[in-house]
Amino acid sequence: MAELTYRQAIAAALAQEMARDERVVLLGEDVACGGVFKTTTGLRERFGPDRVWDTPISEQAIAGAAMGAAMGGLRPVAEIMFSDFYATCWDQVANEIAKVRYMTGGQVSMPLVLRGANGSGGLGFGSQHGQSAENWAMCVPGLKIASPAGPAEAFGLLAAAIRDNDPVIFFEHKALYGRKEEIGDGEQLLPLGAARTLREGGDVTLVGLSITVGTCQAAAIDLAARGIDAEVIDLRTLVPLDAATVLASVRRTGRLVVVEENPGQLGWGASVAAIAAEEAFGALRAPVTRVSGGNVPLPVAASLEAEVDVSPQRVIAAVTALLGQAT
């Protein structure tokens, strides 16, 4: 067992897969010197300049080079430093990378990972560096999406993403990079599309992703002190989406609260809520409730960001309202 931070787990997963498969290469801005978030530290020294490539400051160039490398038989992992910057290379991602396998009738696969920092988490990065962009990718057929909530998930899910033959968008939450966790020895691998239940409960189901998993856990502890038994589910991936785990929980608890950092307008929580309403309507004892970020550009000021962002208090209020109790 070893205690790793979230950022160290990312680097360890990259190292594990680069050692396992010489086709895995890493590219992006400043990745050779460890990257701005220190998630690629030591990889250039270990694997050399032929496999760890610094790129120009151009997300279009990074995504395009990764696409070409994947088509040529490599398994590239490309870093898009902030997920906000997908806006500058979205044509390559949504219209090219996501569609190559389909448009070639399966003759050309696209085994690549696009990874980088996502979300706000109260860090004050503002409107152009603090967005949660999972929703941008979720609506594009052909892309898989993973967003880990802790170091163990970061390690295992990134390894699985690198081995996958389809393109995976891997969202790492910048507020989680310093979080520590014990991780087992040996190869780490977690399947894409398998949610995990962190806490069992009978009164309400709380569904989170990435940083909001911790938000749900904190809320569940407070709710337990009030006599409310909350079940907490970490989706881990949005595509594939493990709807079966969510539906099984909802059928036991009869109530669902979906907690996402994205703006609520067309958020991934809306998809989860719709699935629950369509497939478990008879089991619901109350309307599905969503707790989400605000539909506004993300503020820089801490007091304003706190108003926009999700919190355990907002989750607790949502649950107690469902149960007809005063907060």
Protein backbone atom coordinates (compact mmCIF):
# COMPACT_ATOMS: atom_id res chain seq x y z
CA MET A 1 0.00 0.00 0.00
CA ALA A 2 1.16 3.53 -0.73
CA GLU A 3 -0.40 6.90 0.02
CA LEU A 4 -0.71 8.96 -3.14
CA THR A 5 -2.19 12.32 -3.88
CA TYR A 6 -4.65 12.64 -6.74
CA ARG A 7 -1.94 14.26 -8.91
CA GLN A 8 0.55 11.52 -8.03
CA ALA A 9 -2.05 8.89 -8.92
CA ILE A 10 -2.43 10.48 -12.36
CA ALA A 11 1.34 10.35 -12.89
CA ALA A 12 1.47 6.77 -11.59
CA ALA A 13 -1.27 5.67 -13.99
CA LEU A 14 0.56 7.25 -16.91
CA ALA A 15 3.79 5.55 -15.86
CA GLN A 16 2.07 2.18 -15.42
CA GLU A 17 0.58 2.28 -18.90
CA MET A 18 3.68 3.69 -20.60
CA ALA A 19 5.77 0.89 -19.08
CA ARG A 20 3.17 -1.69 -20.12
CA ASP A 21 2.73 -0.53 -23.73
CA GLU A 22 5.39 1.29 -25.74
CA ARG A 23 2.69 2.71 -28.02
CA VAL A 24 1.49 5.01 -25.21
CA VAL A 25 2.84 8.52 -25.69
CA LEU A 26 2.19 11.76 -23.83
CA LEU A 27 1.85 15.21 -25.35
CA GLY A 28 0.78 18.67 -24.25
CA GLU A 29 1.96 22.06 -23.05
CA ASP A 30 4.83 21.75 -20.53
CA VAL A 31 4.25 18.03 -19.92
CA ALA A 32 8.00 17.40 -20.23
CA CYS A 33 8.69 19.43 -17.08
CA GLY A 34 5.77 18.03 -15.09
CA GLY A 35 2.94 20.26 -16.28
CA VAL A 36 1.30 23.22 -14.58
CA PHE A 37 -0.45 20.91 -12.09
CA LYS A 38 2.57 18.57 -11.69
CA THR A 39 0.70 15.54 -13.01
CA THR A 40 3.45 14.40 -15.39
CA THR A 41 6.47 14.79 -13.10
CA GLY A 42 9.34 12.42 -13.89
CA LEU A 43 7.83 10.90 -17.04
CA ARG A 44 10.16 12.62 -19.52
CA GLU A 45 13.18 11.50 -17.50
CA ARG A 46 11.93 7.92 -17.33
CA PHE A 47 10.55 7.43 -20.85
CA GLY A 48 12.53 9.95 -22.89
CA PRO A 49 11.73 12.67 -25.42
CA ASP A 50 10.44 10.19 -28.02
CA ARG A 51 7.44 9.42 -25.82
CA VAL A 52 6.86 12.65 -23.86
CA TRP A 53 6.38 15.58 -26.19
CA ASP A 54 6.05 19.26 -25.36
CA THR A 55 3.76 21.05 -27.80
CA PRO A 56 3.10 24.63 -28.88
CA ILE A 57 0.46 26.58 -26.98
CA SER A 58 -2.30 25.43 -29.32
CA GLU A 59 -5.09 23.10 -28.31
CA GLN A 60 -5.91 22.63 -32.00
CA ALA A 61 -2.38 21.38 -32.60
CA ILE A 62 -2.50 19.10 -29.52
CA ALA A 63 -5.83 17.50 -30.43
CA GLY A 64 -4.90 17.21 -34.09
CA ALA A 65 -1.53 15.63 -33.35
CA ALA A 66 -3.15 13.18 -30.93
CA MET A 67 -5.70 12.22 -33.55
CA GLY A 68 -3.03 11.62 -36.17
CA ALA A 69 -0.91 9.62 -33.73
CA ALA A 70 -3.87 7.41 -32.84
CA MET A 71 -4.69 6.82 -36.50
CA GLY A 72 -1.04 5.89 -37.02
CA GLY A 73 -1.05 3.15 -34.40
CA LEU A 74 0.02 4.93 -31.21
CA ARG A 75 -2.07 5.35 -28.06
CA PRO A 76 -1.64 9.05 -27.26
CA VAL A 77 -2.57 10.76 -24.01
CA ALA A 78 -2.96 14.47 -24.74
CA GLU A 79 -3.21 17.09 -22.03
CA ILE A 80 -5.64 19.96 -22.53
CA MET A 81 -4.42 22.05 -19.61
CA PHE A 82 -7.83 23.47 -18.60
CA SER A 83 -11.08 21.91 -19.76
CA ASP A 84 -12.30 25.40 -20.67
CA PHE A 85 -9.81 25.27 -23.55
CA TYR A 86 -11.73 22.52 -25.31
CA ALA A 87 -13.65 25.42 -26.81
CA THR A 88 -10.61 26.21 -28.97
CA CYS A 89 -10.29 22.68 -30.42
CA TRP A 90 -13.88 21.50 -30.35
CA ASP A 91 -14.03 20.84 -34.10
CA GLN A 92 -11.25 18.25 -33.81
CA VAL A 93 -12.84 16.68 -30.74
CA ALA A 94 -16.54 16.68 -31.65
CA ASN A 95 -16.46 16.47 -35.45
CA GLU A 96 -13.31 14.47 -36.10
CA ILE A 97 -12.00 12.41 -33.15
CA ALA A 98 -15.46 11.34 -31.99
CA LYS A 99 -16.60 10.26 -35.46
CA VAL A 100 -13.62 8.59 -37.15
CA ARG A 101 -14.45 5.04 -36.10
CA TYR A 102 -18.09 5.41 -37.21
CA MET A 103 -17.34 7.21 -40.49
CA THR A 104 -14.74 4.62 -41.53
CA GLY A 105 -17.03 1.72 -40.76
CA GLY A 106 -14.75 0.57 -37.98
CA GLN A 107 -11.65 0.47 -40.19
CA VAL A 108 -9.90 3.14 -38.12
CA SER A 109 -10.05 3.16 -34.33
CA MET A 110 -9.26 6.15 -32.16
CA PRO A 111 -7.49 4.94 -28.97
CA LEU A 112 -6.64 8.27 -27.40
CA VAL A 113 -7.22 10.09 -24.12
CA LEU A 114 -7.72 13.82 -23.73
CA ARG A 115 -7.12 14.74 -20.10
CA GLY A 116 -6.78 17.90 -18.02
CA ALA A 117 -8.01 20.06 -15.16
CA ASN A 118 -11.73 20.70 -14.73
CA GLY A 119 -14.10 22.47 -12.34
CA SER A 120 -14.03 25.24 -9.78
CA GLY A 121 -14.13 23.89 -6.23
CA GLY A 122 -13.92 27.35 -4.70
CA LEU A 123 -10.43 28.07 -6.04
CA GLY A 124 -11.22 31.36 -7.73
CA PHE A 125 -10.10 30.42 -11.24
CA GLY A 126 -12.97 32.37 -12.78
CA SER A 127 -15.07 32.13 -15.91
CA GLN A 128 -12.39 30.99 -18.36
CA HIS A 129 -10.36 28.61 -16.18
CA GLY A 130 -12.85 27.19 -13.68
CA GLN A 131 -15.71 25.75 -15.68
CA SER A 132 -17.04 22.21 -15.42
CA ALA A 133 -17.19 21.03 -19.00
CA GLU A 134 -18.45 17.45 -18.75
CA ASN A 135 -21.75 18.48 -20.34
CA TRP A 136 -19.99 19.72 -23.46
CA ALA A 137 -18.68 16.23 -24.15
CA MET A 138 -21.65 14.18 -22.95
CA CYS A 139 -23.84 15.27 -25.84
CA VAL A 140 -21.32 14.13 -28.49
CA PRO A 141 -21.81 10.52 -29.64
CA GLY A 142 -18.53 8.63 -29.86
CA LEU A 143 -16.82 10.08 -26.79
CA LYS A 144 -16.42 8.31 -23.46
CA ILE A 145 -16.24 10.45 -20.32
CA ALA A 146 -14.57 9.72 -16.99
CA SER A 147 -14.28 12.03 -13.98
CA PRO A 148 -12.67 10.52 -10.86
CA ALA A 149 -13.51 11.56 -7.30
CA GLY A 150 -10.30 10.42 -5.60
CA PRO A 151 -6.77 9.11 -6.14
CA ALA A 152 -7.71 5.43 -6.44
CA GLU A 153 -10.37 6.22 -9.04
CA ALA A 154 -7.98 8.56 -10.88
CA PHE A 155 -5.37 5.80 -11.11
CA GLY A 156 -7.66 2.97 -12.14
CA LEU A 157 -9.94 4.90 -14.49
CA LEU A 158 -7.06 6.60 -16.33
CA ALA A 159 -5.39 3.23 -16.88
CA ALA A 160 -8.64 1.86 -18.30
CA ALA A 161 -9.10 4.94 -20.49
CA ILE A 162 -5.64 4.52 -22.00
CA ARG A 163 -6.38 0.87 -22.83
CA ASP A 164 -9.75 1.68 -24.40
CA ASN A 165 -10.01 1.68 -28.19
CA ASP A 166 -12.38 4.66 -28.25
CA PRO A 167 -11.58 8.29 -27.42
CA VAL A 168 -11.97 9.14 -23.74
CA ILE A 169 -12.29 12.62 -22.27
CA PHE A 170 -10.77 12.41 -18.80
CA PHE A 171 -11.74 15.26 -16.46
CA GLU A 172 -9.46 15.74 -13.43
CA HIS A 173 -10.79 18.12 -10.82
CA LYS A 174 -8.22 20.76 -9.96
CA ALA A 175 -9.48 21.08 -6.37
CA LEU A 176 -8.78 17.37 -5.80
CA TYR A 177 -5.14 17.25 -6.92
CA GLY A 178 -3.86 17.44 -3.33
CA ARG A 179 -6.24 14.83 -1.88
CA LYS A 180 -4.45 11.75 -0.48
CA GLU A 181 -5.54 8.13 -0.34
CA GLU A 182 -4.05 4.70 0.25
CA ILE A 183 -3.73 2.75 -2.99
CA GLY A 184 -2.96 -0.94 -3.25
CA ASP A 185 0.19 -2.45 -4.70
CA GLY A 186 0.38 -3.86 -8.20
CA GLU A 187 -1.50 -2.97 -11.35
CA GLN A 188 -4.46 -0.61 -10.91
CA LEU A 189 -7.40 -0.82 -13.29
CA LEU A 190 -11.07 0.12 -12.93
CA PRO A 191 -13.68 -0.58 -15.62
CA LEU A 192 -15.28 2.34 -17.41
CA GLY A 193 -19.04 2.41 -16.90
CA ALA A 194 -19.18 0.97 -13.39
CA ALA A 195 -20.44 3.27 -10.62
CA ARG A 196 -19.63 2.59 -6.96
CA THR A 197 -21.81 2.84 -3.89
CA LEU A 198 -19.84 4.50 -1.10
CA ARG A 199 -22.55 4.51 1.53
CA GLU A 200 -25.72 2.47 1.78
CA GLY A 201 -28.97 4.00 2.95
CA GLY A 202 -32.72 3.57 2.79
CA ASP A 203 -34.21 7.08 2.75
CA VAL A 204 -32.71 8.87 -0.26
CA THR A 205 -30.18 8.30 -3.04
CA LEU A 206 -27.48 10.96 -3.56
CA VAL A 207 -25.68 10.77 -6.90
CA GLY A 208 -22.44 12.68 -7.47
CA LEU A 209 -19.47 12.84 -9.80
CA SER A 210 -15.91 14.00 -9.16
CA ILE A 211 -15.85 16.70 -6.46
CA THR A 212 -19.57 16.43 -5.71
CA VAL A 213 -19.07 12.86 -4.46
CA GLY A 214 -17.34 14.37 -1.43
CA THR A 215 -20.15 16.92 -1.18
CA CYS A 216 -22.68 14.08 -1.05
CA GLN A 217 -20.66 12.20 1.56
CA ALA A 218 -20.43 15.27 3.79
CA ALA A 219 -24.17 15.85 3.43
CA ALA A 220 -24.89 12.19 4.23
CA ILE A 221 -22.96 12.41 7.50
CA ASP A 222 -24.96 15.46 8.57
CA LEU A 223 -28.22 13.86 7.48
CA ALA A 224 -27.42 10.74 9.50
CA ALA A 225 -27.21 12.90 12.62
CA ARG A 226 -30.76 14.02 11.81
CA GLY A 227 -31.95 10.44 11.45
CA ILE A 228 -31.95 10.45 7.63
CA ASP A 229 -30.23 7.50 5.98
CA ALA A 230 -28.71 8.57 2.64
CA GLU A 231 -27.17 6.27 0.04
CA VAL A 232 -24.23 7.83 -1.86
CA ILE A 233 -23.29 6.81 -5.41
CA ASP A 234 -20.19 7.91 -7.35
CA LEU A 235 -20.97 7.62 -11.05
CA ARG A 236 -17.25 7.62 -11.98
CA THR A 237 -18.10 7.84 -15.68
CA LEU A 238 -20.84 9.61 -17.61
CA VAL A 239 -20.29 7.62 -20.80
CA PRO A 240 -20.79 4.71 -20.36
CA LEU A 241 -23.36 5.62 -17.69
CA ASP A 242 -24.12 3.01 -15.04
CA ALA A 243 -27.85 3.70 -14.90
CA ALA A 244 -28.52 0.24 -13.46
CA THR A 245 -26.79 1.07 -10.17
CA VAL A 246 -28.70 4.34 -9.82
CA LEU A 247 -32.05 2.74 -10.67
CA ALA A 248 -31.53 -0.13 -8.24
CA SER A 249 -30.83 2.37 -5.49
CA VAL A 250 -33.81 4.56 -6.35
CA ARG A 251 -36.10 1.53 -6.26
CA ARG A 252 -34.92 0.91 -2.67
CA THR A 253 -34.99 4.49 -1.37
CA GLY A 254 -37.80 6.04 -3.43
CA ARG A 255 -36.03 9.41 -3.59
CA LEU A 256 -33.22 10.80 -5.76
CA VAL A 257 -31.06 13.91 -5.46
CA VAL A 258 -28.51 14.45 -8.23
CA VAL A 259 -25.58 16.72 -7.36
CA GLU A 260 -23.45 18.25 -10.13
CA GLU A 261 -21.01 21.14 -10.33
CA ASN A 262 -22.00 21.96 -13.91
CA PRO A 263 -24.60 24.65 -14.57
CA GLY A 264 -27.96 22.94 -14.23
CA GLN A 265 -29.19 23.95 -17.67
CA LEU A 266 -28.94 20.75 -19.74
CA GLY A 267 -26.60 19.29 -17.12
CA TRP A 268 -25.70 15.60 -16.87
CA GLY A 269 -27.97 15.52 -13.84
CA ALA A 270 -30.90 16.15 -16.16
CA SER A 271 -30.09 12.94 -18.01
CA VAL A 272 -29.88 10.95 -14.78
CA ALA A 273 -33.14 12.50 -13.56
CA ALA A 274 -34.88 11.69 -16.85
CA ILE A 275 -33.72 8.07 -16.73
CA ALA A 276 -35.02 7.71 -13.18
CA ALA A 277 -38.35 9.29 -14.12
CA GLU A 278 -38.74 7.06 -17.16
CA GLU A 279 -37.55 3.75 -15.72
CA ALA A 280 -38.28 3.96 -11.98
CA PHE A 281 -41.29 6.27 -11.83
CA GLY A 282 -43.40 3.79 -9.91
CA ALA A 283 -40.78 3.57 -7.17
CA LEU A 284 -40.43 7.34 -6.65
CA ARG A 285 -42.08 8.70 -3.52
CA ALA A 286 -41.08 12.28 -4.29
CA PRO A 287 -39.97 14.30 -7.34
CA VAL A 288 -36.38 13.91 -8.46
CA THR A 289 -34.35 16.88 -7.23
CA ARG A 290 -31.23 18.38 -8.79
CA VAL A 291 -28.58 20.44 -7.02
CA SER A 292 -26.27 22.12 -9.52
CA GLY A 293 -24.01 25.03 -10.24
CA GLY A 294 -25.57 28.31 -11.30
CA ASN A 295 -26.43 29.19 -14.89
CA VAL A 296 -24.02 32.12 -14.86
CA PRO A 297 -20.36 32.66 -15.78
CA LEU A 298 -18.27 31.49 -12.84
CA PRO A 299 -17.33 34.44 -10.57
CA VAL A 300 -13.80 34.97 -9.24
CA ALA A 301 -14.80 36.54 -5.92
CA ALA A 302 -14.98 33.87 -3.22
CA SER A 303 -18.28 35.10 -1.82
CA LEU A 304 -19.94 35.05 -5.24
CA GLU A 305 -18.42 31.71 -6.21
CA ALA A 306 -19.83 30.23 -3.01
CA GLU A 307 -23.29 31.37 -4.06
CA VAL A 308 -22.97 29.65 -7.43
CA ASP A 309 -21.22 26.45 -6.39
CA VAL A 310 -22.74 23.35 -4.82
CA SER A 311 -22.29 22.67 -1.10
CA PRO A 312 -23.29 20.07 1.50
CA GLN A 313 -25.74 22.61 2.92
CA ARG A 314 -27.58 22.85 -0.39
CA VAL A 315 -27.76 19.06 -0.62
CA ILE A 316 -29.04 18.81 2.97
CA ALA A 317 -31.71 21.42 2.22
CA ALA A 318 -32.80 19.50 -0.87
CA VAL A 319 -33.07 16.21 1.01
CA THR A 320 -34.94 17.62 3.99
CA ALA A 321 -37.34 19.37 1.63
CA LEU A 322 -38.02 16.03 -0.09
CA LEU A 323 -38.73 14.46 3.28
CA GLY A 324 -40.92 17.35 4.35
CA GLN A 325 -38.65 18.45 7.19
CA ALA A 326 -37.45 21.90 8.11
CA THR A 327 -33.74 22.67 7.62
